[in-house]
C-alpha atoms as a PDB file:
ATOM      1  CA  MET A   1     218.371  58.023  47.689  1.00  0.00           C
ATOM      2  CA  LYS A   2     217.289  61.051  49.489  1.00  0.00           C
ATOM      3  CA  ARG A   3     218.234  60.934  53.182  1.00  0.00           C
ATOM      4  CA  ARG A   4     215.317  60.940  55.542  1.00  0.00           C
ATOM      5  CA  SER A   5     214.813  60.090  59.095  1.00  0.00           C
ATOM      6  CA  THR A   6     212.270  57.357  58.172  1.00  0.00           C
ATOM      7  CA  LYS A   7     211.423  53.761  58.580  1.00  0.00           C
ATOM      8  CA  PHE A   8     212.810  51.151  56.074  1.00  0.00           C
ATOM      9  CA  TYR A   9     212.606  47.474  55.640  1.00  0.00           C
ATOM     10  CA  LEU A  10     215.700  45.479  55.777  1.00  0.00           C
ATOM     11  CA  ILE A  11     215.046  42.880  53.130  1.00  0.00           C
ATOM     12  CA  LEU A  12     215.890  39.499  54.388  1.00  0.00           C
ATOM     13  CA  VAL A  13     213.454  36.921  52.702  1.00  0.00           C
ATOM     14  CA  ALA A  14     213.199  33.689  54.439  1.00  0.00           C
ATOM     15  CA  VAL A  15     212.650  32.791  58.131  1.00  0.00           C
ATOM     16  CA  ILE A  16     215.559  31.821  60.575  1.00  0.00           C
ATOM     17  CA  SER A  17     214.899  28.657  62.106  1.00  0.00           C
ATOM     18  CA  ILE A  18     217.628  27.884  64.663  1.00  0.00           C
ATOM     19  CA  LEU A  19     217.340  24.204  65.261  1.00  0.00           C
ATOM     20  CA  ALA A  20     219.880  21.628  66.550  1.00  0.00           C
ATOM     21  CA  SER A  21     223.482  21.266  65.108  1.00  0.00           C
ATOM     22  CA  CYS A  22     223.262  20.238  61.556  1.00  0.00           C
ATOM     23  CA  SER A  23     226.978  19.153  61.006  1.00  0.00           C
ATOM     24  CA  LYS A  24     227.527  18.165  57.416  1.00  0.00           C
ATOM     25  CA  THR A  25     227.692  14.177  57.873  1.00  0.00           C
ATOM     26  CA  ASP A  26     226.914  11.160  55.790  1.00  0.00           C
ATOM     27  CA  ASP A  27     223.642   9.292  56.586  1.00  0.00           C
ATOM     28  CA  ASN A  28     225.552   6.621  58.874  1.00  0.00           C
ATOM     29  CA  TYR A  29     227.334   9.346  60.909  1.00  0.00           C
ATOM     30  CA  ASN A  30     227.453   8.270  64.727  1.00  0.00           C
ATOM     31  CA  TYR A  31     226.461  11.286  66.522  1.00  0.00           C
ATOM     32  CA  LYS A  32     227.572   9.764  69.706  1.00  0.00           C
ATOM     33  CA  ASN A  33     231.089   9.972  68.252  1.00  0.00           C
ATOM     34  CA  MET A  34     230.737  13.635  66.934  1.00  0.00           C
ATOM     35  CA  PRO A  35     233.678  15.895  67.500  1.00  0.00           C
ATOM     36  CA  THR A  36     233.155  19.167  69.105  1.00  0.00           C
ATOM     37  CA  SER A  37     233.006  22.111  66.615  1.00  0.00           C
ATOM     38  CA  ILE A  38     231.845  25.686  66.467  1.00  0.00           C
ATOM     39  CA  GLU A  39     229.442  26.530  63.587  1.00  0.00           C
ATOM     40  CA  LEU A  40     226.865  29.181  62.557  1.00  0.00           C
ATOM     41  CA  PRO A  41     223.325  27.275  62.634  1.00  0.00           C
ATOM     42  CA  VAL A  42     221.950  29.908  60.214  1.00  0.00           C
ATOM     43  CA  ALA A  43     224.234  28.882  57.425  1.00  0.00           C
ATOM     44  CA  ALA A  44     223.068  25.243  57.894  1.00  0.00           C
ATOM     45  CA  HIS A  45     219.585  26.589  57.243  1.00  0.00           C
ATOM     46  CA  ALA A  46     220.422  28.818  54.449  1.00  0.00           C
ATOM     47  CA  GLY A  47     219.155  26.392  51.576  1.00  0.00           C
ATOM     48  CA  PRO A  48     220.774  24.914  48.682  1.00  0.00           C
ATOM     49  CA  ALA A  49     222.169  28.217  47.216  1.00  0.00           C
ATOM     50  CA  MET A  50     225.681  27.669  48.886  1.00  0.00           C
ATOM     51  CA  PHE A  51     229.120  28.880  47.816  1.00  0.00           C
ATOM     52  CA  ASP A  52     231.968  26.694  47.086  1.00  0.00           C
ATOM     53  CA  ASN A  53     234.078  27.874  50.236  1.00  0.00           C
ATOM     54  CA  GLY A  54     231.614  26.599  52.968  1.00  0.00           C
ATOM     55  CA  GLY A  55     229.558  30.205  52.804  1.00  0.00           C
ATOM     56  CA  PHE A  56     225.799  30.249  52.489  1.00  0.00           C
ATOM     57  CA  LYS A  57     223.521  32.904  50.935  1.00  0.00           C
ATOM     58  CA  PHE A  58     220.988  33.881  53.359  1.00  0.00           C
ATOM     59  CA  ILE A  59     218.104  36.577  53.089  1.00  0.00           C
ATOM     60  CA  ILE A  60     216.123  37.395  56.196  1.00  0.00           C
ATOM     61  CA  GLU A  61     213.216  39.725  56.640  1.00  0.00           C
ATOM     62  CA  LYS A  62     213.277  42.258  59.397  1.00  0.00           C
ATOM     63  CA  SER A  63     211.775  45.799  59.846  1.00  0.00           C
ATOM     64  CA  ILE A  64     214.192  48.480  60.978  1.00  0.00           C
ATOM     65  CA  ASN A  65     214.067  52.275  61.378  1.00  0.00           C
ATOM     66  CA  SER A  66     216.786  54.935  60.827  1.00  0.00           C
ATOM     67  CA  ALA A  67     218.357  54.087  64.103  1.00  0.00           C
ATOM     68  CA  PRO A  68     221.002  51.348  64.195  1.00  0.00           C
ATOM     69  CA  GLN A  69     219.331  47.858  64.498  1.00  0.00           C
ATOM     70  CA  PRO A  70     220.894  44.582  65.341  1.00  0.00           C
ATOM     71  CA  LEU A  71     221.414  41.670  63.006  1.00  0.00           C
ATOM     72  CA  VAL A  72     221.944  38.721  65.280  1.00  0.00           C
ATOM     73  CA  THR A  73     223.943  35.500  64.288  1.00  0.00           C
ATOM     74  CA  THR A  74     223.788  32.794  66.715  1.00  0.00           C
ATOM     75  CA  VAL A  75     227.057  30.949  67.487  1.00  0.00           C
ATOM     76  CA  LEU A  76     226.702  27.231  68.140  1.00  0.00           C
ATOM     77  CA  LEU A  77     228.937  24.767  69.972  1.00  0.00           C
ATOM     78  CA  SER A  78     228.144  21.626  68.141  1.00  0.00           C
ATOM     79  CA  ALA A  79     228.749  18.735  70.920  1.00  0.00           C
ATOM     80  CA  THR A  80     227.260  15.887  72.504  1.00  0.00           C
ATOM     81  CA  LYS A  81     227.158  17.770  75.607  1.00  0.00           C
ATOM     82  CA  PRO A  82     228.308  21.278  76.738  1.00  0.00           C
ATOM     83  CA  LEU A  83     231.857  21.945  77.762  1.00  0.00           C
ATOM     84  CA  SER A  84     233.109  22.638  81.213  1.00  0.00           C
ATOM     85  CA  LYS A  85     234.970  25.636  79.995  1.00  0.00           C
ATOM     86  CA  ASP A  86     234.169  28.853  78.252  1.00  0.00           C
ATOM     87  CA  VAL A  87     234.977  29.067  74.615  1.00  0.00           C
ATOM     88  CA  THR A  88     235.552  32.663  73.075  1.00  0.00           C
ATOM     89  CA  VAL A  89     234.748  32.762  69.378  1.00  0.00           C
ATOM     90  CA  THR A  90     236.122  35.422  67.013  1.00  0.00           C
ATOM     91  CA  LEU A  91     233.947  36.549  63.792  1.00  0.00           C
ATOM     92  CA  ASN A  92     234.770  38.890  61.198  1.00  0.00           C
ATOM     93  CA  VAL A  93     233.412  40.621  57.944  1.00  0.00           C
ATOM     94  CA  ASP A  94     235.461  39.397  55.104  1.00  0.00           C
ATOM     95  CA  ASN A  95     234.578  41.554  52.192  1.00  0.00           C
ATOM     96  CA  GLY A  96     237.376  40.123  50.121  1.00  0.00           C
ATOM     97  CA  ALA A  97     235.141  37.158  49.620  1.00  0.00           C
ATOM     98  CA  ILE A  98     232.813  39.246  47.872  1.00  0.00           C
ATOM     99  CA  ALA A  99     235.066  40.336  45.228  1.00  0.00           C
ATOM    100  CA  ALA A 100     236.191  36.583  44.671  1.00  0.00           C
ATOM    101  CA  LEU A 101     232.557  35.757  44.402  1.00  0.00           C
ATOM    102  CA  ASN A 102     231.721  38.394  42.046  1.00  0.00           C
ATOM    103  CA  ALA A 103     234.752  37.196  39.819  1.00  0.00           C
ATOM    104  CA  THR A 104     233.389  33.788  39.848  1.00  0.00           C
ATOM    105  CA  HIS A 105     229.828  34.957  38.905  1.00  0.00           C
ATOM    106  CA  LYS A 106     231.365  37.080  35.974  1.00  0.00           C
ATOM    107  CA  THR A 107     233.425  34.066  34.596  1.00  0.00           C
ATOM    108  CA  LEU A 108     230.369  31.828  34.958  1.00  0.00           C
ATOM    109  CA  TYR A 109     227.933  34.277  33.313  1.00  0.00           C
ATOM    110  CA  THR A 110     230.713  34.704  30.431  1.00  0.00           C
ATOM    111  CA  LYS A 111     231.075  30.860  29.923  1.00  0.00           C
ATOM    112  CA  ASP A 112     227.256  30.216  29.887  1.00  0.00           C
ATOM    113  CA  SER A 113     226.806  33.090  27.451  1.00  0.00           C
ATOM    114  CA  LEU A 114     229.375  31.629  25.081  1.00  0.00           C
ATOM    115  CA  ALA A 115     227.865  28.335  25.348  1.00  0.00           C
ATOM    116  CA  ALA A 116     224.430  29.688  24.604  1.00  0.00           C
ATOM    117  CA  VAL A 117     225.730  31.607  21.374  1.00  0.00           C
ATOM    118  CA  LYS A 118     227.370  28.491  20.245  1.00  0.00           C
ATOM    119  CA  ALA A 119     224.195  26.437  20.719  1.00  0.00           C
ATOM    120  CA  ASN A 120     222.240  29.317  19.026  1.00  0.00           C
ATOM    121  CA  THR A 121     220.068  29.690  22.255  1.00  0.00           C
ATOM    122  CA  ASP A 122     219.038  32.576  24.382  1.00  0.00           C
ATOM    123  CA  VAL A 123     221.828  34.092  26.425  1.00  0.00           C
ATOM    124  CA  PRO A 124     221.163  33.778  30.187  1.00  0.00           C
ATOM    125  CA  ALA A 125     219.847  36.917  31.928  1.00  0.00           C
ATOM    126  CA  ALA A 126     222.769  38.764  34.117  1.00  0.00           C
ATOM    127  CA  THR A 127     220.182  39.187  36.681  1.00  0.00           C
ATOM    128  CA  ASP A 128     219.944  35.384  37.392  1.00  0.00           C
ATOM    129  CA  PHE A 129     220.727  34.666  41.092  1.00  0.00           C
ATOM    130  CA  LYS A 130     224.029  32.699  40.013  1.00  0.00           C
ATOM    131  CA  TYR A 131     225.361  35.565  38.177  1.00  0.00           C
ATOM    132  CA  GLU A 132     224.543  38.336  40.611  1.00  0.00           C
ATOM    133  CA  ILE A 133     227.041  40.958  41.405  1.00  0.00           C
ATOM    134  CA  TYR A 134     227.040  42.294  45.056  1.00  0.00           C
ATOM    135  CA  GLN A 135     228.296  45.436  46.571  1.00  0.00           C
ATOM    136  CA  PRO A 136     230.048  45.213  50.176  1.00  0.00           C
ATOM    137  CA  LEU A 137     227.807  46.827  52.862  1.00  0.00           C
ATOM    138  CA  PRO A 138     229.349  50.333  53.283  1.00  0.00           C
ATOM    139  CA  THR A 139     231.543  50.674  56.395  1.00  0.00           C
ATOM    140  CA  ASP A 140     229.336  53.347  57.632  1.00  0.00           C
ATOM    141  CA  ALA A 141     226.201  51.348  57.251  1.00  0.00           C
ATOM    142  CA  TYR A 142     227.217  49.057  59.865  1.00  0.00           C
ATOM    143  CA  SER A 143     228.862  48.579  63.294  1.00  0.00           C
ATOM    144  CA  ILE A 144     230.024  45.769  65.368  1.00  0.00           C
ATOM    145  CA  PRO A 145     230.068  46.204  69.169  1.00  0.00           C
ATOM    146  CA  SER A 146     232.394  43.171  69.471  1.00  0.00           C
ATOM    147  CA  THR A 147     234.033  40.782  67.205  1.00  0.00           C
ATOM    148  CA  LYS A 148     234.251  38.279  70.095  1.00  0.00           C
ATOM    149  CA  VAL A 149     231.535  36.249  71.599  1.00  0.00           C
ATOM    150  CA  THR A 150     231.814  33.816  74.458  1.00  0.00           C
ATOM    151  CA  ILE A 151     229.928  30.526  74.770  1.00  0.00           C
ATOM    152  CA  PRO A 152     229.841  30.070  78.589  1.00  0.00           C
ATOM    153  CA  ALA A 153     230.872  26.934  80.268  1.00  0.00           C
ATOM    154  CA  GLY A 154     227.689  24.401  80.328  1.00  0.00           C
ATOM    155  CA  GLN A 155     226.069  26.203  77.520  1.00  0.00           C
ATOM    156  CA  THR A 156     225.917  25.784  73.749  1.00  0.00           C
ATOM    157  CA  THR A 157     225.045  29.345  72.201  1.00  0.00           C
ATOM    158  CA  ALA A 158     226.293  32.896  72.160  1.00  0.00           C
ATOM    159  CA  ASP A 159     224.896  35.579  69.867  1.00  0.00           C
ATOM    160  CA  HIS A 160     227.021  37.871  67.636  1.00  0.00           C
ATOM    161  CA  THR A 161     225.454  41.436  66.696  1.00  0.00           C
ATOM    162  CA  VAL A 162     226.085  43.598  63.780  1.00  0.00           C
ATOM    163  CA  ASN A 163     224.083  46.783  64.012  1.00  0.00           C
ATOM    164  CA  ILE A 164     222.766  47.789  60.472  1.00  0.00           C
ATOM    165  CA  ILE A 165     222.196  51.533  59.471  1.00  0.00           C
ATOM    166  CA  THR A 166     219.633  51.557  56.744  1.00  0.00           C
ATOM    167  CA  ASP A 167     219.534  55.302  55.841  1.00  0.00           C
ATOM    168  CA  LYS A 168     223.286  54.858  54.614  1.00  0.00           C
ATOM    169  CA  LEU A 169     221.938  52.428  51.887  1.00  0.00           C
ATOM    170  CA  THR A 170     220.635  52.958  48.522  1.00  0.00           C
ATOM    171  CA  LEU A 171     217.383  51.423  47.271  1.00  0.00           C
ATOM    172  CA  GLY A 172     218.118  48.816  44.441  1.00  0.00           C
ATOM    173  CA  VAL A 173     221.480  48.170  45.209  1.00  0.00           C
ATOM    174  CA  LYS A 174     222.445  44.437  46.087  1.00  0.00           C
ATOM    175  CA  TYR A 175     224.561  44.427  49.269  1.00  0.00           C
ATOM    176  CA  MET A 176     226.365  41.584  51.034  1.00  0.00           C
ATOM    177  CA  LEU A 177     227.563  41.053  54.378  1.00  0.00           C
ATOM    178  CA  PRO A 178     229.685  38.134  54.933  1.00  0.00           C
ATOM    179  CA  VAL A 179     229.974  37.086  58.656  1.00  0.00           C
ATOM    180  CA  ALA A 180     232.613  34.098  59.223  1.00  0.00           C
ATOM    181  CA  ILE A 181     234.071  32.382  62.165  1.00  0.00           C
ATOM    182  CA  ALA A 182     237.788  33.396  62.176  1.00  0.00           C
ATOM    183  CA  ASP A 183     238.784  31.623  65.484  1.00  0.00           C
ATOM    184  CA  ALA A 184     237.454  29.197  67.958  1.00  0.00           C
ATOM    185  CA  GLN A 185     239.908  29.200  70.833  1.00  0.00           C
ATOM    186  CA  GLY A 186     241.494  25.871  69.437  1.00  0.00           C
ATOM    187  CA  GLU A 187     237.922  24.254  68.884  1.00  0.00           C
ATOM    188  CA  LYS A 188     237.319  22.892  65.416  1.00  0.00           C
ATOM    189  CA  ILE A 189     235.444  25.281  63.144  1.00  0.00           C
ATOM    190  CA  ASN A 190     232.475  23.556  61.574  1.00  0.00           C
ATOM    191  CA  TYR A 191     231.758  23.342  57.975  1.00  0.00           C
ATOM    192  CA  TYR A 192     228.995  25.921  58.429  1.00  0.00           C
ATOM    193  CA  SER A 193     231.378  28.533  59.322  1.00  0.00           C
ATOM    194  CA  THR A 194     230.323  31.606  57.109  1.00  0.00           C
ATOM    195  CA  VAL A 195     226.860  33.110  56.072  1.00  0.00           C
ATOM    196  CA  TYR A 196     226.665  35.767  53.538  1.00  0.00           C
ATOM    197  CA  TYR A 197     223.737  38.173  54.277  1.00  0.00           C
ATOM    198  CA  LEU A 198     222.130  39.580  51.214  1.00  0.00           C
ATOM    199  CA  VAL A 199     220.954  43.105  52.056  1.00  0.00           C
ATOM    200  CA  SER A 200     218.802  45.550  50.467  1.00  0.00           C
ATOM    201  CA  ILE A 201     215.893  48.208  51.652  1.00  0.00           C
ATOM    202  CA  LYS A 202     212.362  48.825  50.841  1.00  0.00           C
ATOM    203  CA  SER A 203     209.963  51.377  52.295  1.00  0.00           C
ATOM    204  CA  GLU A 204     208.020  50.127  55.505  1.00  0.00           C
ATOM    205  CA  TYR A 205     204.960  50.901  53.425  1.00  0.00           C
ATOM    206  CA  GLU A 206     205.729  48.678  50.557  1.00  0.00           C
ATOM    207  CA  GLY A 207     203.723  45.512  49.910  1.00  0.00           C
ATOM    208  CA  GLU A 208     200.840  43.754  48.714  1.00  0.00           C
ATOM    209  CA  ALA A 209     197.521  45.049  49.829  1.00  0.00           C
ATOM    210  CA  LYS A 210     193.562  45.004  49.631  1.00  0.00           C
ATOM    211  CA  ALA A 211     191.642  48.141  48.768  1.00  0.00           C
ATOM    212  CA  SER A 212     188.048  48.800  49.280  1.00  0.00           C
ATOM    213  CA  GLY A 213     186.433  52.294  48.109  1.00  0.00           C
ATOM    214  CA  SER A 214     184.314  54.234  45.981  1.00  0.00           C
ATOM    215  CA  ILE A 215     184.381  56.878  43.418  1.00  0.00           C
ATOM    216  CA  ALA A 216     181.717  59.656  43.165  1.00  0.00           C
ATOM    217  CA  PHE A 217     180.925  61.410  39.991  1.00  0.00           C
ATOM    218  CA  PRO A 218     179.454  64.862  39.141  1.00  0.00           C
ATOM    219  CA  ASP A 219     176.645  62.319  37.752  1.00  0.00           C
ATOM    220  CA  PRO A 220     175.891  60.052  40.720  1.00  0.00           C
ATOM    221  CA  SER A 221     174.183  57.498  38.457  1.00  0.00           C
ATOM    222  CA  ILE A 222     177.519  56.368  37.305  1.00  0.00           C
ATOM    223  CA  ASN A 223     179.130  56.000  40.923  1.00  0.00           C
ATOM    224  CA  ARG A 224     180.904  52.528  41.409  1.00  0.00           C
ATOM    225  CA  SER A 225     182.907  51.017  44.251  1.00  0.00           C
ATOM    226  CA  TRP A 226     185.297  48.139  44.476  1.00  0.00           C
ATOM    227  CA  THR A 227     185.846  45.557  47.533  1.00  0.00           C
ATOM    228  CA  ASP A 228     189.134  43.771  48.363  1.00  0.00           C
ATOM    229  CA  ARG A 229     190.941  44.944  44.996  1.00  0.00           C
ATOM    230  CA  ALA A 230     194.312  43.613  45.027  1.00  0.00           C
ATOM    231  CA  LYS A 231     196.957  46.443  44.953  1.00  0.00           C
ATOM    232  CA  THR A 232     200.795  46.582  45.063  1.00  0.00           C
ATOM    233  CA  LEU A 233     202.548  49.337  46.797  1.00  0.00           C
ATOM    234  CA  THR A 234     206.097  50.037  45.530  1.00  0.00           C
ATOM    235  CA  THR A 235     209.095  51.917  47.166  1.00  0.00           C
ATOM    236  CA  VAL A 236     209.812  55.617  45.906  1.00  0.00           C
ATOM    237  CA  ASN A 237     211.849  56.330  48.967  1.00  0.00           C
ATOM    238  CA  GLY A 238     211.533  55.708  52.792  1.00  0.00           C
ATOM    239  CA  ASN A 239     208.252  57.845  52.950  1.00  0.00           C
ATOM    240  CA  ILE A 240     206.749  57.533  49.774  1.00  0.00           C
ATOM    241  CA  ILE A 241     205.113  54.638  47.866  1.00  0.00           C
ATOM    242  CA  ARG A 242     203.398  54.405  44.299  1.00  0.00           C
ATOM    243  CA  VAL A 243     199.998  52.757  43.801  1.00  0.00           C
ATOM    244  CA  GLU A 244     197.032  52.646  41.663  1.00  0.00           C
ATOM    245  CA  ALA A 245     194.718  55.498  41.920  1.00  0.00           C
ATOM    246  CA  ALA A 246     191.038  54.128  42.642  1.00  0.00           C
ATOM    247  CA  ASP A 247     190.444  51.088  40.427  1.00  0.00           C
ATOM    248  CA  LEU A 248     192.141  53.009  37.457  1.00  0.00           C
ATOM    249  CA  GLY A 249     195.534  51.221  36.990  1.00  0.00           C
ATOM    250  CA  GLY A 250     194.413  49.932  33.528  1.00  0.00           C
ATOM    251  CA  SER A 251     194.154  53.597  32.403  1.00  0.00           C
ATOM    252  CA  ASN A 252     197.404  54.280  33.914  1.00  0.00           C
ATOM    253  CA  TYR A 253     196.199  56.506  36.787  1.00  0.00           C
ATOM    254  CA  TYR A 254     198.813  56.290  39.581  1.00  0.00           C
ATOM    255  CA  MET A 255     199.472  58.180  42.778  1.00  0.00           C
ATOM    256  CA  TRP A 256     202.157  58.769  45.287  1.00  0.00           C
ATOM    257  CA  LEU A 257     201.172  58.378  49.072  1.00  0.00           C
ATOM    258  CA  ILE A 258     203.656  60.579  51.048  1.00  0.00           C
ATOM    259  CA  VAL A 259     203.432  59.486  54.767  1.00  0.00           C
ATOM    260  CA  ASN A 260     204.367  62.276  57.060  1.00  0.00           C
ATOM    261  CA  PRO A 261     205.939  62.227  60.435  1.00  0.00           C
ATOM    262  CA  ASP A 262     202.449  62.321  62.062  1.00  0.00           C
ATOM    263  CA  ASN A 263     201.259  59.550  59.930  1.00  0.00           C
ATOM    264  CA  SER A 264     199.204  61.895  57.891  1.00  0.00           C
ATOM    265  CA  VAL A 265     199.245  61.179  54.244  1.00  0.00           C
ATOM    266  CA  THR A 266     199.593  63.536  51.181  1.00  0.00           C
ATOM    267  CA  VAL A 267     198.273  62.096  47.983  1.00  0.00           C
ATOM    268  CA  ILE A 268     199.771  63.532  44.674  1.00  0.00           C
ATOM    269  CA  SER A 269     199.874  62.024  41.306  1.00  0.00           C
ATOM    270  CA  ALA A 270     202.848  59.879  40.512  1.00  0.00           C
ATOM    271  CA  PRO A 271     205.181  61.019  37.823  1.00  0.00           C
ATOM    272  CA  GLY A 272     203.929  59.500  34.407  1.00  0.00           C
ATOM    273  CA  SER A 273     200.262  59.008  35.729  1.00  0.00           C
ATOM    274  CA  ALA A 274     197.875  59.639  32.843  1.00  0.00           C
ATOM    275  CA  ASN A 275     196.063  62.247  35.063  1.00  0.00           C
ATOM    276  CA  PRO A 276     198.264  64.683  36.742  1.00  0.00           C
ATOM    277  CA  SER A 277     195.684  66.081  38.997  1.00  0.00           C
ATOM    278  CA  ILE A 278     195.183  63.508  41.656  1.00  0.00           C
ATOM    279  CA  GLN A 279     195.336  65.251  45.073  1.00  0.00           C
ATOM    280  CA  SER A 280     194.231  64.734  48.480  1.00  0.00           C
ATOM    281  CA  ASN A 281     190.724  65.716  49.170  1.00  0.00           C
ATOM    282  CA  GLY A 282     190.031  65.593  52.851  1.00  0.00           C
ATOM    283  CA  SER A 283     191.633  63.404  55.750  1.00  0.00           C
ATOM    284  CA  CYS A 284     194.255  61.069  54.781  1.00  0.00           C
ATOM    285  CA  THR A 285     196.060  58.913  57.270  1.00  0.00           C
ATOM    286  CA  PHE A 286     198.188  55.781  57.958  1.00  0.00           C
ATOM    287  CA  ASP A 287     197.549  53.722  60.913  1.00  0.00           C
ATOM    288  CA  PRO A 288     200.815  51.893  61.693  1.00  0.00           C
ATOM    289  CA  ALA A 289     198.976  49.457  64.141  1.00  0.00           C
ATOM    290  CA  THR A 290     196.793  47.991  61.425  1.00  0.00           C
ATOM    291  CA  ARG A 291     199.045  48.983  58.543  1.00  0.00           C
ATOM    292  CA  THR A 292     196.162  50.761  56.986  1.00  0.00           C
ATOM    293  CA  PHE A 293     195.664  53.800  54.642  1.00  0.00           C
ATOM    294  CA  SER A 294     192.386  55.769  55.167  1.00  0.00           C
ATOM    295  CA  LEU A 295     192.201  58.095  52.109  1.00  0.00           C
ATOM    296  CA  ASN A 296     190.166  60.859  50.577  1.00  0.00           C
ATOM    297  CA  TYR A 297     191.377  62.340  47.117  1.00  0.00           C
ATOM    298  CA  LYS A 298     190.309  63.370  44.012  1.00  0.00           C
ATOM    299  CA  TYR A 299     191.093  63.995  40.364  1.00  0.00           C
ATOM    300  CA  VAL A 300     189.736  66.351  37.828  1.00  0.00           C
ATOM    301  CA  GLY A 301     187.901  64.737  34.777  1.00  0.00           C
ATOM    302  CA  GLY A 302     185.929  66.272  31.934  1.00  0.00           C
ATOM    303  CA  THR A 303     182.781  67.132  33.684  1.00  0.00           C
ATOM    304  CA  GLY A 304     184.472  67.917  37.074  1.00  0.00           C
ATOM    305  CA  ASP A 305     185.906  66.361  40.062  1.00  0.00           C
ATOM    306  CA  ARG A 306     185.876  62.637  40.747  1.00  0.00           C
ATOM    307  CA  ARG A 307     185.960  62.015  44.530  1.00  0.00           C
ATOM    308  CA  ILE A 308     187.432  58.844  46.033  1.00  0.00           C
ATOM    309  CA  THR A 309     187.167  57.224  49.448  1.00  0.00           C
ATOM    310  CA  GLU A 310     189.499  54.329  49.756  1.00  0.00           C
ATOM    311  CA  ILE A 311     190.774  52.057  52.447  1.00  0.00           C
ATOM    312  CA  ILE A 312     194.096  50.388  51.535  1.00  0.00           C
ATOM    313  CA  LYS A 313     195.083  47.537  54.048  1.00  0.00           C
ATOM    314  CA  LEU A 314     198.685  45.915  53.721  1.00  0.00           C
ATOM    315  CA  ASN A 315     198.686  42.309  53.727  1.00  0.00           C
END
């Protein structure tokens, strides 16, 4: 991916809900007798896609830019009441767990594929979530200000920070960052001790959108317009997205919108578009406050220019 000082989205696709401690117990557990332990609440809310070693897959959504931005993991003291002493908790990034997970996924895929062949059914897709292979987040793509956090006496939480640097990542690669409790200063480490952050990037401008616009022909009697037309903006790189031109996706008319540092936009034909003459034709801008493209562009047809005015607003 071309390196650019631009904004990206760190794909993280569920919302963190830090609730009260959710220690793994049976339904008849007596919470008054719950032993004190240390956990990562985000792991408790990561959903059913868990690993056998107590780690939990978790995907979150957060916009970042080319500067390091924090990924914060809350560390929780799970107890009936706060302690009267400080507790220092050490966390680490265990990339060895990724290799073990990938090996497990490969073995499972081989097993399921052989079973499918034997049963004369379709071989499972290697892209299925349970077979996916992950890459460790590159060491130059993150930094950890401190591996230790302290839960002060009388309190129950502290935050651990990893700073992610997205312009070191590559589009389309499935990265993983395992954050785990390594030591709890003598306190018990809870079942929810590891969270595997699944990390990928996309352009800030990617997403679903609604478009309203019009197209003017040399013969004005055939002019037409559209309102709230659904469009999908997909990433080319940090500053460029691909989207349907006018209302002509069915004719394979696609364009690139290049967002410049001053939020002006350059319109060009997307590679492979049926019409290579799509281009800016007047003011084209992006408003980051409303996430709206205001575009004037054109393409050449058999009888002359077709002039398009369009507003595309990201949902």
